[in-house]
N, C-alpha and C. Protein backbone atom coordinates (compact mmCIF):
# COMPACT_ATOMS: atom_id res chain seq x y z
N UNK A 1 0.56 -1.11 0.14
CA UNK A 1 -0.01 0.10 0.30
C UNK A 1 0.98 1.22 -0.01
N UNK A 2 0.82 2.22 -0.96
CA UNK A 2 1.07 3.09 -1.02
C UNK A 2 0.49 4.37 -0.94
N UNK A 3 0.90 5.63 -0.15
CA UNK A 3 0.05 6.34 0.24
C UNK A 3 0.66 8.15 -0.05
N UNK A 4 -0.14 8.67 -0.33
CA UNK A 4 0.09 9.58 -0.80
C UNK A 4 -0.74 10.94 -0.12
N UNK A 5 0.52 11.76 0.91
CA UNK A 5 -0.50 13.23 1.58
C UNK A 5 -0.04 14.54 0.74
N UNK A 6 -0.69 14.90 0.80
CA UNK A 6 -1.20 16.57 0.20
C UNK A 6 -1.50 17.75 1.05
N UNK A 7 -1.59 18.39 0.74
CA UNK A 7 -2.62 19.88 1.22
C UNK A 7 -1.67 20.77 2.54
N UNK A 8 -0.90 20.42 2.67
CA UNK A 8 0.23 21.17 3.94
C UNK A 8 0.53 22.48 2.79
N UNK A 9 1.16 23.34 3.23
CA UNK A 9 1.20 24.73 2.90
C UNK A 9 2.02 25.65 4.12
N UNK A 10 1.74 27.05 3.92
CA UNK A 10 2.00 27.75 4.88
C UNK A 10 0.19 28.56 5.24
N UNK A 11 0.08 29.16 6.56
CA UNK A 11 -0.79 29.43 6.32
C UNK A 11 -1.07 30.04 7.56
N UNK A 12 -1.59 31.75 8.30
CA UNK A 12 -1.78 32.27 9.07
C UNK A 12 -2.29 31.82 10.48
N UNK A 13 -1.83 31.96 11.48
CA UNK A 13 -2.79 31.41 12.90
C UNK A 13 -4.27 32.01 12.63
N UNK A 14 -5.12 31.17 12.87
CA UNK A 14 -6.72 31.17 12.81
C UNK A 14 -6.99 30.74 11.68
N UNK A 15 -5.89 30.35 10.89
CA UNK A 15 -6.80 29.77 9.04
C UNK A 15 -7.14 28.17 8.95
N UNK A 16 -7.15 27.82 8.18
CA UNK A 16 -7.23 26.51 8.05
C UNK A 16 -7.11 25.97 6.90
N UNK A 17 -6.81 24.36 6.61
CA UNK A 17 -5.95 23.43 5.57
C UNK A 17 -6.57 22.42 5.43
N UNK A 18 -6.99 21.72 4.93
CA UNK A 18 -7.63 20.14 4.38
C UNK A 18 -6.65 19.32 3.82
N UNK A 19 -6.03 18.90 4.70
CA UNK A 19 -5.08 17.29 4.36
C UNK A 19 -5.72 16.35 3.55
N UNK A 20 -4.24 15.70 2.92
CA UNK A 20 -5.67 14.38 1.74
C UNK A 20 -4.51 13.65 1.76
N UNK A 21 -5.01 12.52 2.16
CA UNK A 21 -3.84 11.18 1.99
C UNK A 21 -4.90 9.97 1.04
N UNK A 22 -4.14 9.93 -0.37
CA UNK A 22 -4.55 8.81 -0.99
C UNK A 22 -3.92 7.58 -0.75
N UNK A 23 -4.75 6.54 -1.09
CA UNK A 23 -3.84 5.13 -1.28
C UNK A 23 -3.88 4.61 -2.36
N UNK A 24 -3.08 3.85 -2.42
CA UNK A 24 -3.03 3.43 -4.24
C UNK A 24 -3.81 2.11 -3.85
N UNK A 25 -4.47 1.57 -3.45
CA UNK A 25 -5.24 0.34 -3.11
C UNK A 25 -6.60 0.76 -2.30
N UNK A 26 -7.94 -0.04 -2.38
CA UNK A 26 -8.98 -0.41 -1.46
C UNK A 26 -8.68 -0.46 -0.06
N UNK A 27 -9.03 0.86 0.97
CA UNK A 27 -8.62 0.30 2.87
C UNK A 27 -9.71 0.24 2.99
N UNK A 28 -10.17 -1.68 3.66
CA UNK A 28 -11.29 -1.88 4.55
C UNK A 28 -11.71 -0.51 5.30
N UNK A 29 -12.79 -0.28 5.78
CA UNK A 29 -13.57 0.98 6.83
C UNK A 29 -12.95 0.27 7.89
N UNK A 30 -12.86 -1.10 7.69
CA UNK A 30 -12.37 -1.28 9.23
C UNK A 30 -10.87 -1.47 10.20
N UNK A 31 -10.21 -0.92 8.90
CA UNK A 31 -8.84 -1.09 9.15
C UNK A 31 -8.62 0.48 9.69
N UNK A 32 -8.08 1.02 10.77
CA UNK A 32 -7.90 2.01 11.25
C UNK A 32 -7.00 2.75 10.36
N UNK A 33 -7.35 4.13 10.14
CA UNK A 33 -6.12 5.23 9.27
C UNK A 33 -6.30 6.17 10.43
N UNK A 34 -4.96 6.92 10.08
CA UNK A 34 -5.27 7.77 11.13
C UNK A 34 -4.01 9.31 10.87
N UNK A 35 -3.95 9.88 10.84
CA UNK A 35 -3.16 11.64 10.79
C UNK A 35 -2.00 11.24 11.95
N UNK A 36 -1.49 11.52 11.91
CA UNK A 36 0.61 12.20 12.98
C UNK A 36 1.34 13.22 12.55
N UNK A 37 1.59 13.64 13.44
CA UNK A 37 2.84 14.74 13.11
C UNK A 37 4.22 14.65 13.56
N UNK A 38 4.70 15.62 13.29
CA UNK A 38 6.33 15.63 13.54
C UNK A 38 6.86 17.02 14.10
N UNK A 39 6.80 17.51 14.79
CA UNK A 39 7.92 19.07 14.74
C UNK A 39 8.67 19.23 14.68
N UNK A 40 9.72 20.10 14.53
CA UNK A 40 11.14 20.28 14.58
C UNK A 40 11.73 19.95 15.95
N UNK A 41 12.37 18.72 16.06
CA UNK A 41 12.69 18.36 17.26
C UNK A 41 12.23 17.94 18.38
N UNK A 42 11.01 17.32 17.55
CA UNK A 42 10.06 16.42 18.59
C UNK A 42 9.65 14.89 17.97
N UNK A 43 9.31 14.16 19.08
CA UNK A 43 9.04 12.78 18.47
C UNK A 43 7.59 12.97 17.55
N UNK A 44 6.89 11.90 17.11
CA UNK A 44 6.31 11.62 15.82
C UNK A 44 4.77 11.23 16.94
N UNK A 45 3.57 12.40 16.81
CA UNK A 45 2.69 12.36 17.96
C UNK A 45 1.25 12.28 17.22
N UNK A 46 0.62 11.32 18.04
CA UNK A 46 -0.86 10.92 17.45
C UNK A 46 -1.74 12.56 16.74
N UNK A 47 -2.56 12.35 16.16
CA UNK A 47 -3.66 13.41 15.68
C UNK A 47 -4.98 12.88 15.58
N UNK A 48 -4.81 12.13 15.31
CA UNK A 48 -6.29 11.87 14.73
C UNK A 48 -6.37 10.52 13.85
N UNK A 49 -7.42 9.63 13.94
CA UNK A 49 -7.83 8.24 13.71
C UNK A 49 -9.12 8.03 12.88
N UNK A 50 -9.64 7.06 12.70
CA UNK A 50 -10.82 6.68 11.98
C UNK A 50 -11.08 5.31 11.49
N UNK A 51 -12.18 4.45 11.88
CA UNK A 51 -12.09 3.39 11.52
C UNK A 51 -13.87 3.64 11.62
N UNK A 52 -14.60 2.57 10.87
CA UNK A 52 -15.91 2.45 10.75
C UNK A 52 -16.85 1.78 12.30
N UNK A 53 -17.85 2.05 12.62
CA UNK A 53 -18.28 1.93 13.75
C UNK A 53 -17.82 2.06 14.83
N UNK A 54 -16.88 3.70 14.95
CA UNK A 54 -16.02 4.16 15.60
C UNK A 54 -16.44 5.57 16.27
N UNK A 55 -16.80 5.82 16.50
CA UNK A 55 -16.22 7.66 16.91
C UNK A 55 -14.88 8.01 16.85
N UNK A 56 -14.62 9.02 15.88
CA UNK A 56 -12.92 9.23 15.42
C UNK A 56 -12.41 9.75 16.45
N UNK A 57 -11.40 9.21 16.65
CA UNK A 57 -10.41 9.84 17.96
C UNK A 57 -9.27 11.21 17.61
N UNK A 58 -8.91 11.80 18.31
CA UNK A 58 -8.70 12.98 18.60
C UNK A 58 -7.46 13.04 19.79
N UNK A 59 -6.65 14.01 19.05
CA UNK A 59 -5.54 14.29 20.29
C UNK A 59 -5.78 15.47 21.18
N UNK A 60 -6.30 15.49 22.67
CA UNK A 60 -6.37 16.58 23.47
C UNK A 60 -6.26 18.25 22.68
N UNK A 61 -4.99 17.78 21.87
CA UNK A 61 -4.03 19.42 21.71
C UNK A 61 -5.04 19.90 20.10
N UNK A 62 -6.02 18.67 19.60
CA UNK A 62 -6.49 19.49 18.16
C UNK A 62 -8.19 18.90 18.81
N UNK A 63 -8.84 18.65 19.60
CA UNK A 63 -9.86 17.56 19.69
C UNK A 63 -10.64 19.66 19.71
N UNK A 64 -12.08 19.36 18.85
CA UNK A 64 -12.68 20.46 18.50
C UNK A 64 -12.22 21.28 17.52
N UNK A 65 -10.92 21.35 16.55
CA UNK A 65 -10.76 22.09 16.09
C UNK A 65 -10.26 21.78 14.65
N UNK A 66 -10.04 19.94 14.89
CA UNK A 66 -9.67 18.84 13.08
C UNK A 66 -10.82 18.56 13.55
N UNK A 67 -11.19 17.52 12.15
CA UNK A 67 -11.97 16.73 11.51
C UNK A 67 -11.67 15.59 10.76
N UNK A 68 -11.29 14.18 11.06
CA UNK A 68 -10.53 13.51 10.62
C UNK A 68 -12.46 13.33 9.58
N UNK A 69 -11.53 12.28 8.40
CA UNK A 69 -12.86 12.11 7.57
C UNK A 69 -11.95 11.25 6.49
N UNK A 70 -13.12 10.09 5.66
CA UNK A 70 -12.30 9.34 5.01
C UNK A 70 -13.70 8.85 4.10
N UNK A 71 -13.12 9.17 2.40
CA UNK A 71 -14.15 8.79 1.34
C UNK A 71 -13.52 7.14 0.95
N UNK A 72 -14.22 5.93 1.26
CA UNK A 72 -13.69 4.75 1.13
C UNK A 72 -13.84 4.33 -0.33
N UNK A 73 -14.71 5.37 -0.90
CA UNK A 73 -15.42 5.20 -2.75
C UNK A 73 -14.01 5.80 -3.15
N UNK A 74 -13.22 6.70 -2.45
CA UNK A 74 -12.09 7.53 -3.39
C UNK A 74 -10.53 7.21 -2.67
N UNK A 75 -10.91 6.33 -1.97
CA UNK A 75 -10.01 6.04 -1.06
C UNK A 75 -9.02 6.57 -0.52
N UNK A 76 -9.63 7.38 -0.10
CA UNK A 76 -8.81 9.12 0.67
C UNK A 76 -8.81 9.29 1.83
N UNK A 77 -7.99 9.41 2.72
CA UNK A 77 -8.34 10.79 3.94
C UNK A 77 -7.91 11.40 4.09
N UNK A 78 -8.99 11.92 4.63
CA UNK A 78 -9.19 13.87 4.87
C UNK A 78 -7.99 14.45 6.28
N UNK A 79 -7.77 14.98 6.72
CA UNK A 79 -8.12 15.95 7.68
C UNK A 79 -8.57 17.96 7.69
N UNK A 80 -9.71 17.56 8.25
CA UNK A 80 -9.72 19.53 7.91
C UNK A 80 -9.29 19.91 9.29
N UNK A 81 -7.93 20.88 9.01
CA UNK A 81 -7.60 22.05 10.04
C UNK A 81 -8.62 23.41 10.60
N UNK A 82 -8.97 23.42 11.20
CA UNK A 82 -9.32 25.23 11.40
C UNK A 82 -9.00 25.38 12.45
N UNK A 83 -8.95 26.48 12.83
CA UNK A 83 -8.28 27.81 13.97
C UNK A 83 -6.85 27.38 14.04
N UNK A 84 -6.22 27.04 13.33
CA UNK A 84 -4.56 26.72 13.12
C UNK A 84 -3.77 27.63 14.30
N UNK A 85 -3.03 27.04 14.65
CA UNK A 85 -2.28 27.89 15.99
C UNK A 85 -0.57 27.32 15.04
N UNK A 86 0.34 28.50 15.96
CA UNK A 86 1.74 28.40 15.44
C UNK A 86 2.09 26.64 15.80
N UNK A 87 2.08 26.34 17.43
CA UNK A 87 1.70 25.24 17.74
C UNK A 87 1.83 24.04 16.54
N UNK A 88 0.62 23.81 16.07
CA UNK A 88 -0.14 22.89 14.90
C UNK A 88 1.51 22.87 13.57
N UNK A 89 2.25 23.70 13.27
CA UNK A 89 3.50 23.49 12.41
C UNK A 89 4.05 22.20 12.85
N UNK A 90 4.08 21.60 12.03
CA UNK A 90 5.14 20.34 11.79
C UNK A 90 4.97 19.54 10.53
N UNK A 91 5.76 18.05 10.27
CA UNK A 91 5.45 17.83 9.35
C UNK A 91 3.67 16.81 9.19
N UNK A 92 2.91 16.75 8.70
CA UNK A 92 1.87 15.50 9.05
C UNK A 92 1.71 14.61 7.94
N UNK A 93 2.20 13.21 8.88
CA UNK A 93 1.99 12.05 8.10
C UNK A 93 0.64 11.59 8.08
N UNK A 94 0.15 10.69 7.02
CA UNK A 94 -1.27 9.63 6.96
C UNK A 94 -0.32 8.36 7.73
N UNK A 95 -1.17 7.44 8.36
CA UNK A 95 -1.06 5.41 8.32
C UNK A 95 -2.40 5.11 8.20
N UNK A 96 -1.94 4.20 7.87
CA UNK A 96 -3.14 3.02 7.52
C UNK A 96 -2.92 2.02 8.10
N UNK A 97 -3.21 0.80 8.51
CA UNK A 97 -3.30 -0.49 8.94
C UNK A 97 -3.93 -1.56 7.52
N UNK A 98 -3.24 -1.83 7.20
CA UNK A 98 -3.74 -3.35 5.94
C UNK A 98 -2.56 -4.38 6.37
N UNK A 99 -3.67 -5.52 6.57
CA UNK A 99 -3.04 -6.24 6.69
C UNK A 99 -2.56 -7.00 8.14
N UNK A 100 -1.52 -7.36 7.78
CA UNK A 100 -0.91 -7.48 9.46
C UNK A 100 0.03 -6.25 9.64
N UNK A 101 0.21 -5.13 8.87
CA UNK A 101 1.35 -3.91 8.30
C UNK A 101 0.76 -2.83 9.11
N UNK A 102 1.20 -2.33 9.17
CA UNK A 102 1.62 -0.31 9.00
C UNK A 102 1.90 0.00 7.99
N UNK A 103 1.37 1.50 7.41
CA UNK A 103 2.12 1.81 6.08
C UNK A 103 2.12 3.10 6.22
N UNK A 104 2.99 4.51 6.26
CA UNK A 104 3.23 5.85 6.47
C UNK A 104 2.74 6.44 4.83
N UNK A 105 2.64 7.50 4.84
CA UNK A 105 2.99 8.18 3.59
C UNK A 105 3.97 9.30 3.82
N UNK A 106 4.24 9.97 3.06
CA UNK A 106 5.79 10.44 2.85
C UNK A 106 5.78 12.03 3.94
N UNK A 107 4.55 12.71 3.94
CA UNK A 107 4.35 13.40 4.76
C UNK A 107 3.96 15.03 3.89
N UNK A 108 3.32 15.92 4.39
CA UNK A 108 3.28 17.16 4.23
C UNK A 108 3.73 18.16 5.20
N UNK A 109 4.53 19.09 5.01
CA UNK A 109 4.85 20.42 5.79
C UNK A 109 3.23 21.68 6.01
N UNK A 110 3.15 21.47 7.22
CA UNK A 110 2.32 22.26 7.69
C UNK A 110 3.00 23.65 8.54
N UNK A 111 2.88 25.08 7.97
CA UNK A 111 3.81 26.11 8.52
C UNK A 111 2.87 26.95 9.36
N UNK A 112 2.71 27.53 10.59
CA UNK A 112 1.47 28.30 10.83
C UNK A 112 1.89 29.24 11.38
N UNK A 113 1.93 30.62 10.65
CA UNK A 113 2.83 31.66 11.03
C UNK A 113 2.12 32.40 12.20
N UNK A 114 2.63 33.11 13.12
CA UNK A 114 1.51 33.99 14.00
C UNK A 114 0.95 35.40 13.93
């Protein structure tokens, strides 16, 4: 499985961005898909995840501002990010479980200026 993340960019604080992650093959809705991020000098951290039949999960730091969704017909995962803060600046990675493995996208840079 290959994942292609896109949609990052430079935005002012308070602005919005929508990230996309396109999968090279169908990911069954029962498989967890998620977003992670890594800021300079910090470890990669969980942002949000989604799977069918369960409520999405969010990190406390993004709860109420970010929304994760997926379009199974397009094999695409999304992350709508609103009310962005400078602390949200990071490389954002998408991840999916598939079979017995975990697969990561290449990352997309999000920079939020104050």
